[in-house]
Amino acid sequence: MAEQRQEQRDGRDAREDARTVGEPRGRGVRDEEARAWGDLVAAARRTVADGLVVGTSGNVSVRVGDTVLVTPSGVPYDRLTPGDVTGVGLDGRQVLGTLVPTSELPMHLAVYRSTGARAVVHTHAVHATAVSTLVPELPAIHYMSAALGGAVRVAPYATYGTEELAENMLHALADRTACLLRNHGTIAYGDTLDQAYDRTAQLEWMCRLWLTASSVPGLTPSLLSAEQVAEVGEKLRGYGQRT
């Protein structure tokens, strides 16, 4: 009888847990948010296809008004559907969806609160993570360092998902649009998802370039001066097609 009563209690607990998890939090999804979610999922899948992420080891977010749409924790990107929209307010309170937001939410929110960012991409890219274990900043090995604001700093290590990591990241991001996270990975932001993604890919490429050049025995890579990088930064302001 005692076992039967325990089974009944367990059954009730399971049903109550299912209702709690399955209940949508907050309001309904707006059209602009639905479109942004589609773009976010596409960008997240691209991080895997391009080798910047393995499994669910990165995360992507985009800001729509005062709502931050973000990839959920531990869900493979190829399984995300239009009905999986996950969103939080700038205070971290979940306002959209039933899935738990990424564990790296503190980093994403710190970027949005401190900058004009509209999108953030975080990865565990191999070459960038390797560089994060070797030097305090990625040397100016290529003029495209200017696209990220200069030599890319490495934020001191802290446990993933913590406010300490978010604070370390913000210091490394001062006057930059990307940084490395020691023994962890990368984070980059932009005005659009495409821009944040491009900066992430550019950072990984420069890390690979520096590692390759540094591996030649007896030779040391030439580096650009701060003045040379700044000059390129000015030229990049007018780069591309004018609309």
C-alpha atoms as a PDB file:
ATOM      1  CA  MET A   1       0.000   0.000   0.000  1.00  0.00           C
ATOM      2  CA  ALA A   2       2.828   2.393   0.855  1.00  0.00           C
ATOM      3  CA  GLU A   3       4.475   1.720  -2.506  1.00  0.00           C
ATOM      4  CA  GLN A   4       1.155   2.295  -4.296  1.00  0.00           C
ATOM      5  CA  ARG A   5       0.658   5.619  -2.514  1.00  0.00           C
ATOM      6  CA  GLN A   6       4.243   6.632  -3.430  1.00  0.00           C
ATOM      7  CA  GLU A   7       3.610   5.726  -7.097  1.00  0.00           C
ATOM      8  CA  GLN A   8       0.453   7.833  -7.065  1.00  0.00           C
ATOM      9  CA  ARG A   9       2.370  10.772  -5.594  1.00  0.00           C
ATOM     10  CA  ASP A  10       5.158  10.301  -8.150  1.00  0.00           C
ATOM     11  CA  GLY A  11       2.601  10.266 -10.949  1.00  0.00           C
ATOM     12  CA  ARG A  12       0.988  13.479  -9.714  1.00  0.00           C
ATOM     13  CA  ASP A  13       4.428  15.131  -9.383  1.00  0.00           C
ATOM     14  CA  ALA A  14       5.364  14.131 -12.919  1.00  0.00           C
ATOM     15  CA  ARG A  15       2.116  15.494 -14.349  1.00  0.00           C
ATOM     16  CA  GLU A  16       2.534  18.740 -12.428  1.00  0.00           C
ATOM     17  CA  ASP A  17       6.140  19.064 -13.664  1.00  0.00           C
ATOM     18  CA  ALA A  18       5.010  18.470 -17.245  1.00  0.00           C
ATOM     19  CA  ARG A  19       2.376  21.172 -16.965  1.00  0.00           C
ATOM     20  CA  THR A  20       4.902  23.600 -15.517  1.00  0.00           C
ATOM     21  CA  VAL A  21       7.484  22.965 -18.229  1.00  0.00           C
ATOM     22  CA  GLY A  22       4.927  22.972 -21.019  1.00  0.00           C
ATOM     23  CA  GLU A  23       3.171  26.198 -20.129  1.00  0.00           C
ATOM     24  CA  PRO A  24       4.256  29.085 -22.390  1.00  0.00           C
ATOM     25  CA  ARG A  25       5.883  31.846 -20.366  1.00  0.00           C
ATOM     26  CA  GLY A  26       4.705  35.402 -20.871  1.00  0.00           C
ATOM     27  CA  ARG A  27       3.012  36.679 -24.000  1.00  0.00           C
ATOM     28  CA  GLY A  28       2.562  35.479 -27.564  1.00  0.00           C
ATOM     29  CA  VAL A  29       5.220  35.775 -30.258  1.00  0.00           C
ATOM     30  CA  ARG A  30       5.021  38.866 -32.466  1.00  0.00           C
ATOM     31  CA  ASP A  31       5.591  38.718 -36.234  1.00  0.00           C
ATOM     32  CA  GLU A  32       8.930  40.553 -36.020  1.00  0.00           C
ATOM     33  CA  GLU A  33      10.103  38.138 -33.343  1.00  0.00           C
ATOM     34  CA  ALA A  34       9.054  35.116 -35.403  1.00  0.00           C
ATOM     35  CA  ARG A  35      11.087  36.389 -38.361  1.00  0.00           C
ATOM     36  CA  ALA A  36      14.075  37.134 -36.127  1.00  0.00           C
ATOM     37  CA  TRP A  37      13.843  33.656 -34.619  1.00  0.00           C
ATOM     38  CA  GLY A  38      14.070  32.120 -38.082  1.00  0.00           C
ATOM     39  CA  ASP A  39      17.214  34.147 -38.769  1.00  0.00           C
ATOM     40  CA  LEU A  40      18.669  33.194 -35.391  1.00  0.00           C
ATOM     41  CA  VAL A  41      18.136  29.472 -35.956  1.00  0.00           C
ATOM     42  CA  ALA A  42      19.729  29.745 -39.414  1.00  0.00           C
ATOM     43  CA  ALA A  43      22.780  31.502 -37.922  1.00  0.00           C
ATOM     44  CA  ALA A  44      23.070  28.938 -35.133  1.00  0.00           C
ATOM     45  CA  ARG A  45      22.993  26.080 -37.645  1.00  0.00           C
ATOM     46  CA  ARG A  46      25.625  27.855 -39.700  1.00  0.00           C
ATOM     47  CA  THR A  47      28.011  27.903 -36.730  1.00  0.00           C
ATOM     48  CA  VAL A  48      27.884  24.110 -36.735  1.00  0.00           C
ATOM     49  CA  ALA A  49      28.142  23.769 -40.522  1.00  0.00           C
ATOM     50  CA  ASP A  50      31.179  26.069 -40.599  1.00  0.00           C
ATOM     51  CA  GLY A  51      32.928  24.211 -37.783  1.00  0.00           C
ATOM     52  CA  LEU A  52      32.732  27.016 -35.227  1.00  0.00           C
ATOM     53  CA  VAL A  53      30.593  24.958 -32.860  1.00  0.00           C
ATOM     54  CA  VAL A  54      30.410  21.259 -31.978  1.00  0.00           C
ATOM     55  CA  GLY A  55      27.039  20.012 -30.783  1.00  0.00           C
ATOM     56  CA  THR A  56      25.465  22.682 -28.580  1.00  0.00           C
ATOM     57  CA  SER A  57      28.739  24.256 -27.413  1.00  0.00           C
ATOM     58  CA  GLY A  58      27.884  27.797 -28.540  1.00  0.00           C
ATOM     59  CA  ASN A  59      24.905  30.119 -28.534  1.00  0.00           C
ATOM     60  CA  VAL A  60      23.353  32.925 -30.556  1.00  0.00           C
ATOM     61  CA  SER A  61      21.039  35.779 -29.639  1.00  0.00           C
ATOM     62  CA  VAL A  62      19.324  38.706 -31.306  1.00  0.00           C
ATOM     63  CA  ARG A  63      17.605  41.720 -29.775  1.00  0.00           C
ATOM     64  CA  VAL A  64      14.136  42.753 -30.933  1.00  0.00           C
ATOM     65  CA  GLY A  65      13.047  45.859 -29.048  1.00  0.00           C
ATOM     66  CA  ASP A  66      13.523  45.090 -25.363  1.00  0.00           C
ATOM     67  CA  THR A  67      13.329  41.333 -25.908  1.00  0.00           C
ATOM     68  CA  VAL A  68      16.373  39.113 -26.427  1.00  0.00           C
ATOM     69  CA  LEU A  69      15.737  35.963 -28.434  1.00  0.00           C
ATOM     70  CA  VAL A  70      18.327  33.326 -27.572  1.00  0.00           C
ATOM     71  CA  THR A  71      19.112  29.714 -28.359  1.00  0.00           C
ATOM     72  CA  PRO A  72      17.868  27.349 -25.628  1.00  0.00           C
ATOM     73  CA  SER A  73      20.154  25.278 -23.421  1.00  0.00           C
ATOM     74  CA  GLY A  74      21.243  21.847 -24.623  1.00  0.00           C
ATOM     75  CA  VAL A  75      19.028  21.626 -27.724  1.00  0.00           C
ATOM     76  CA  PRO A  76      20.759  20.698 -31.026  1.00  0.00           C
ATOM     77  CA  TYR A  77      20.171  23.489 -33.524  1.00  0.00           C
ATOM     78  CA  ASP A  78      18.844  21.143 -36.207  1.00  0.00           C
ATOM     79  CA  ARG A  79      15.964  20.285 -33.881  1.00  0.00           C
ATOM     80  CA  LEU A  80      14.808  23.856 -33.286  1.00  0.00           C
ATOM     81  CA  THR A  81      11.449  24.723 -34.841  1.00  0.00           C
ATOM     82  CA  PRO A  82       9.428  27.930 -35.285  1.00  0.00           C
ATOM     83  CA  GLY A  83       7.488  26.926 -32.172  1.00  0.00           C
ATOM     84  CA  ASP A  84      10.601  26.896 -29.997  1.00  0.00           C
ATOM     85  CA  VAL A  85      10.993  30.687 -29.767  1.00  0.00           C
ATOM     86  CA  THR A  86      12.845  31.447 -26.541  1.00  0.00           C
ATOM     87  CA  GLY A  87      13.049  35.026 -25.312  1.00  0.00           C
ATOM     88  CA  VAL A  88      13.927  37.032 -22.213  1.00  0.00           C
ATOM     89  CA  GLY A  89      13.740  40.638 -21.139  1.00  0.00           C
ATOM     90  CA  LEU A  90      16.884  42.651 -20.510  1.00  0.00           C
ATOM     91  CA  ASP A  91      16.443  41.780 -16.823  1.00  0.00           C
ATOM     92  CA  GLY A  92      16.765  38.076 -17.666  1.00  0.00           C
ATOM     93  CA  ARG A  93      13.129  37.223 -16.982  1.00  0.00           C
ATOM     94  CA  GLN A  94      11.779  34.760 -19.539  1.00  0.00           C
ATOM     95  CA  VAL A  95       8.925  36.237 -21.557  1.00  0.00           C
ATOM     96  CA  LEU A  96       8.689  33.815 -24.505  1.00  0.00           C
ATOM     97  CA  GLY A  97       8.723  30.052 -24.826  1.00  0.00           C
ATOM     98  CA  THR A  98       8.945  26.932 -22.697  1.00  0.00           C
ATOM     99  CA  LEU A  99      12.589  25.972 -23.221  1.00  0.00           C
ATOM    100  CA  VAL A 100      15.269  27.036 -20.752  1.00  0.00           C
ATOM    101  CA  PRO A 101      17.523  29.771 -22.251  1.00  0.00           C
ATOM    102  CA  THR A 102      21.233  29.161 -22.805  1.00  0.00           C
ATOM    103  CA  SER A 103      23.400  28.900 -19.703  1.00  0.00           C
ATOM    104  CA  GLU A 104      25.510  31.751 -21.139  1.00  0.00           C
ATOM    105  CA  LEU A 105      22.613  34.196 -20.853  1.00  0.00           C
ATOM    106  CA  PRO A 106      24.573  36.476 -18.447  1.00  0.00           C
ATOM    107  CA  MET A 107      27.169  37.182 -21.163  1.00  0.00           C
ATOM    108  CA  HIS A 108      24.578  37.948 -23.813  1.00  0.00           C
ATOM    109  CA  LEU A 109      22.614  40.278 -21.547  1.00  0.00           C
ATOM    110  CA  ALA A 110      25.790  42.038 -20.402  1.00  0.00           C
ATOM    111  CA  VAL A 111      26.607  42.875 -24.025  1.00  0.00           C
ATOM    112  CA  TYR A 112      23.113  44.240 -24.729  1.00  0.00           C
ATOM    113  CA  ARG A 113      23.036  46.311 -21.547  1.00  0.00           C
ATOM    114  CA  SER A 114      26.460  47.840 -22.206  1.00  0.00           C
ATOM    115  CA  THR A 115      26.510  48.368 -25.985  1.00  0.00           C
ATOM    116  CA  GLY A 116      24.216  49.093 -28.908  1.00  0.00           C
ATOM    117  CA  ALA A 117      24.456  45.468 -30.047  1.00  0.00           C
ATOM    118  CA  ARG A 118      21.533  43.887 -31.859  1.00  0.00           C
ATOM    119  CA  ALA A 119      23.043  40.397 -32.138  1.00  0.00           C
ATOM    120  CA  VAL A 120      25.614  38.266 -30.302  1.00  0.00           C
ATOM    121  CA  VAL A 121      27.402  35.066 -31.362  1.00  0.00           C
ATOM    122  CA  HIS A 122      29.368  32.873 -28.928  1.00  0.00           C
ATOM    123  CA  THR A 123      31.412  29.879 -30.107  1.00  0.00           C
ATOM    124  CA  HIS A 124      34.049  27.386 -28.995  1.00  0.00           C
ATOM    125  CA  ALA A 125      35.954  27.686 -32.280  1.00  0.00           C
ATOM    126  CA  VAL A 126      39.107  25.541 -32.218  1.00  0.00           C
ATOM    127  CA  HIS A 127      41.812  27.974 -33.340  1.00  0.00           C
ATOM    128  CA  ALA A 128      40.439  30.899 -31.349  1.00  0.00           C
ATOM    129  CA  THR A 129      40.144  28.777 -28.214  1.00  0.00           C
ATOM    130  CA  ALA A 130      43.710  27.558 -28.712  1.00  0.00           C
ATOM    131  CA  VAL A 131      44.974  31.143 -28.953  1.00  0.00           C
ATOM    132  CA  SER A 132      43.064  32.033 -25.779  1.00  0.00           C
ATOM    133  CA  THR A 133      45.294  29.608 -23.868  1.00  0.00           C
ATOM    134  CA  LEU A 134      48.568  31.072 -25.173  1.00  0.00           C
ATOM    135  CA  VAL A 135      48.549  34.882 -25.085  1.00  0.00           C
ATOM    136  CA  PRO A 136      46.771  37.808 -23.342  1.00  0.00           C
ATOM    137  CA  GLU A 137      45.629  39.127 -26.716  1.00  0.00           C
ATOM    138  CA  LEU A 138      45.648  38.050 -30.344  1.00  0.00           C
ATOM    139  CA  PRO A 139      48.530  39.996 -31.935  1.00  0.00           C
ATOM    140  CA  ALA A 140      47.723  42.254 -34.901  1.00  0.00           C
ATOM    141  CA  ILE A 141      48.690  39.617 -37.452  1.00  0.00           C
ATOM    142  CA  HIS A 142      46.393  41.017 -40.139  1.00  0.00           C
ATOM    143  CA  TYR A 143      44.867  44.374 -40.944  1.00  0.00           C
ATOM    144  CA  MET A 144      41.367  42.969 -40.453  1.00  0.00           C
ATOM    145  CA  SER A 145      42.044  43.307 -36.732  1.00  0.00           C
ATOM    146  CA  ALA A 146      40.740  46.816 -37.366  1.00  0.00           C
ATOM    147  CA  ALA A 147      37.292  45.414 -38.144  1.00  0.00           C
ATOM    148  CA  LEU A 148      37.098  44.270 -34.520  1.00  0.00           C
ATOM    149  CA  GLY A 149      38.488  47.481 -33.056  1.00  0.00           C
ATOM    150  CA  GLY A 150      42.135  46.441 -32.805  1.00  0.00           C
ATOM    151  CA  ALA A 151      44.169  43.623 -31.272  1.00  0.00           C
ATOM    152  CA  VAL A 152      41.664  41.201 -29.760  1.00  0.00           C
ATOM    153  CA  ARG A 153      41.968  40.799 -25.987  1.00  0.00           C
ATOM    154  CA  VAL A 154      41.583  37.602 -23.976  1.00  0.00           C
ATOM    155  CA  ALA A 155      39.175  37.769 -21.033  1.00  0.00           C
ATOM    156  CA  PRO A 156      40.446  36.006 -17.875  1.00  0.00           C
ATOM    157  CA  TYR A 157      38.994  32.576 -17.227  1.00  0.00           C
ATOM    158  CA  ALA A 158      35.838  32.160 -15.160  1.00  0.00           C
ATOM    159  CA  THR A 159      33.299  29.347 -14.926  1.00  0.00           C
ATOM    160  CA  TYR A 160      30.812  29.322 -17.789  1.00  0.00           C
ATOM    161  CA  GLY A 161      27.429  30.895 -17.197  1.00  0.00           C
ATOM    162  CA  THR A 162      28.595  33.101 -14.312  1.00  0.00           C
ATOM    163  CA  GLU A 163      28.371  36.832 -13.744  1.00  0.00           C
ATOM    164  CA  GLU A 164      32.144  36.787 -13.202  1.00  0.00           C
ATOM    165  CA  LEU A 165      32.678  35.575 -16.762  1.00  0.00           C
ATOM    166  CA  ALA A 166      30.292  38.230 -18.073  1.00  0.00           C
ATOM    167  CA  GLU A 167      32.210  40.936 -16.198  1.00  0.00           C
ATOM    168  CA  ASN A 168      35.581  39.679 -17.453  1.00  0.00           C
ATOM    169  CA  MET A 169      34.190  39.659 -20.984  1.00  0.00           C
ATOM    170  CA  LEU A 170      32.987  43.259 -20.764  1.00  0.00           C
ATOM    171  CA  HIS A 171      36.452  44.482 -19.747  1.00  0.00           C
ATOM    172  CA  ALA A 172      37.990  42.636 -22.731  1.00  0.00           C
ATOM    173  CA  LEU A 173      35.350  44.092 -25.057  1.00  0.00           C
ATOM    174  CA  ALA A 174      36.089  47.731 -24.184  1.00  0.00           C
ATOM    175  CA  ASP A 175      36.385  49.549 -27.552  1.00  0.00           C
ATOM    176  CA  ARG A 176      36.134  46.175 -29.317  1.00  0.00           C
ATOM    177  CA  THR A 177      33.367  44.196 -30.993  1.00  0.00           C
ATOM    178  CA  ALA A 178      34.843  40.771 -30.193  1.00  0.00           C
ATOM    179  CA  CYS A 179      37.091  39.099 -27.655  1.00  0.00           C
ATOM    180  CA  LEU A 180      38.496  35.729 -26.722  1.00  0.00           C
ATOM    181  CA  LEU A 181      37.517  33.929 -23.520  1.00  0.00           C
ATOM    182  CA  ARG A 182      40.450  32.126 -21.922  1.00  0.00           C
ATOM    183  CA  ASN A 183      40.221  28.330 -22.196  1.00  0.00           C
ATOM    184  CA  HIS A 184      36.678  28.762 -23.485  1.00  0.00           C
ATOM    185  CA  GLY A 185      36.036  30.391 -26.863  1.00  0.00           C
ATOM    186  CA  THR A 186      34.893  33.601 -28.538  1.00  0.00           C
ATOM    187  CA  ILE A 187      32.168  36.197 -28.366  1.00  0.00           C
ATOM    188  CA  ALA A 188      31.338  38.858 -30.954  1.00  0.00           C
ATOM    189  CA  TYR A 189      28.489  41.280 -31.466  1.00  0.00           C
ATOM    190  CA  GLY A 190      27.139  43.488 -34.224  1.00  0.00           C
ATOM    191  CA  ASP A 191      24.306  45.596 -35.552  1.00  0.00           C
ATOM    192  CA  THR A 192      22.913  42.503 -37.298  1.00  0.00           C
ATOM    193  CA  LEU A 193      23.217  38.739 -37.012  1.00  0.00           C
ATOM    194  CA  ASP A 194      25.211  38.667 -40.248  1.00  0.00           C
ATOM    195  CA  GLN A 195      27.679  41.204 -38.898  1.00  0.00           C
ATOM    196  CA  ALA A 196      28.096  39.385 -35.579  1.00  0.00           C
ATOM    197  CA  TYR A 197      28.611  36.121 -37.433  1.00  0.00           C
ATOM    198  CA  ASP A 198      31.102  37.623 -39.887  1.00  0.00           C
ATOM    199  CA  ARG A 199      33.136  39.047 -37.008  1.00  0.00           C
ATOM    200  CA  THR A 200      33.154  35.642 -35.338  1.00  0.00           C
ATOM    201  CA  ALA A 201      34.361  33.942 -38.516  1.00  0.00           C
ATOM    202  CA  GLN A 202      36.977  36.666 -39.094  1.00  0.00           C
ATOM    203  CA  LEU A 203      38.322  36.217 -35.571  1.00  0.00           C
ATOM    204  CA  GLU A 204      38.636  32.453 -36.007  1.00  0.00           C
ATOM    205  CA  TRP A 205      40.452  32.969 -39.332  1.00  0.00           C
ATOM    206  CA  MET A 206      42.932  35.420 -37.805  1.00  0.00           C
ATOM    207  CA  CYS A 207      43.612  33.038 -34.919  1.00  0.00           C
ATOM    208  CA  ARG A 208      44.292  30.249 -37.399  1.00  0.00           C
ATOM    209  CA  LEU A 209      46.575  32.567 -39.372  1.00  0.00           C
ATOM    210  CA  TRP A 210      48.572  33.542 -36.277  1.00  0.00           C
ATOM    211  CA  LEU A 211      48.939  29.935 -35.113  1.00  0.00           C
ATOM    212  CA  THR A 212      50.079  28.882 -38.586  1.00  0.00           C
ATOM    213  CA  ALA A 213      52.647  31.678 -38.911  1.00  0.00           C
ATOM    214  CA  SER A 214      53.896  31.146 -35.352  1.00  0.00           C
ATOM    215  CA  SER A 215      54.493  27.449 -35.943  1.00  0.00           C
ATOM    216  CA  VAL A 216      57.329  27.970 -38.463  1.00  0.00           C
ATOM    217  CA  PRO A 217      60.579  27.075 -36.649  1.00  0.00           C
ATOM    218  CA  GLY A 218      63.101  29.878 -36.312  1.00  0.00           C
ATOM    219  CA  LEU A 219      60.815  32.599 -37.638  1.00  0.00           C
ATOM    220  CA  THR A 220      58.558  35.129 -35.911  1.00  0.00           C
ATOM    221  CA  PRO A 221      55.510  36.629 -37.653  1.00  0.00           C
ATOM    222  CA  SER A 222      55.664  40.332 -38.472  1.00  0.00           C
ATOM    223  CA  LEU A 223      52.925  42.300 -36.773  1.00  0.00           C
ATOM    224  CA  LEU A 224      51.126  45.543 -37.569  1.00  0.00           C
ATOM    225  CA  SER A 225      51.507  48.604 -35.370  1.00  0.00           C
ATOM    226  CA  ALA A 226      48.579  50.237 -33.610  1.00  0.00           C
ATOM    227  CA  GLU A 227      48.892  53.142 -36.065  1.00  0.00           C
ATOM    228  CA  GLN A 228      48.673  50.822 -39.079  1.00  0.00           C
ATOM    229  CA  VAL A 229      45.598  49.101 -37.665  1.00  0.00           C
ATOM    230  CA  ALA A 230      43.972  52.460 -36.914  1.00  0.00           C
ATOM    231  CA  GLU A 231      44.602  53.624 -40.484  1.00  0.00           C
ATOM    232  CA  VAL A 232      42.803  50.550 -41.812  1.00  0.00           C
ATOM    233  CA  GLY A 233      39.974  51.188 -39.379  1.00  0.00           C
ATOM    234  CA  GLU A 234      39.404  54.586 -40.970  1.00  0.00           C
ATOM    235  CA  LYS A 235      39.381  53.080 -44.464  1.00  0.00           C
ATOM    236  CA  LEU A 236      36.905  50.399 -43.436  1.00  0.00           C
ATOM    237  CA  ARG A 237      34.375  53.066 -42.464  1.00  0.00           C
ATOM    238  CA  GLY A 238      33.778  53.714 -46.154  1.00  0.00           C
ATOM    239  CA  TYR A 239      34.125  50.105 -47.303  1.00  0.00           C
ATOM    240  CA  GLY A 240      31.416  48.427 -49.367  1.00  0.00           C
ATOM    241  CA  GLN A 241      28.507  49.670 -51.452  1.00  0.00           C
ATOM    242  CA  ARG A 242      26.753  52.876 -50.511  1.00  0.00           C
ATOM    243  CA  THR A 243      22.981  52.638 -50.232  1.00  0.00           C
END
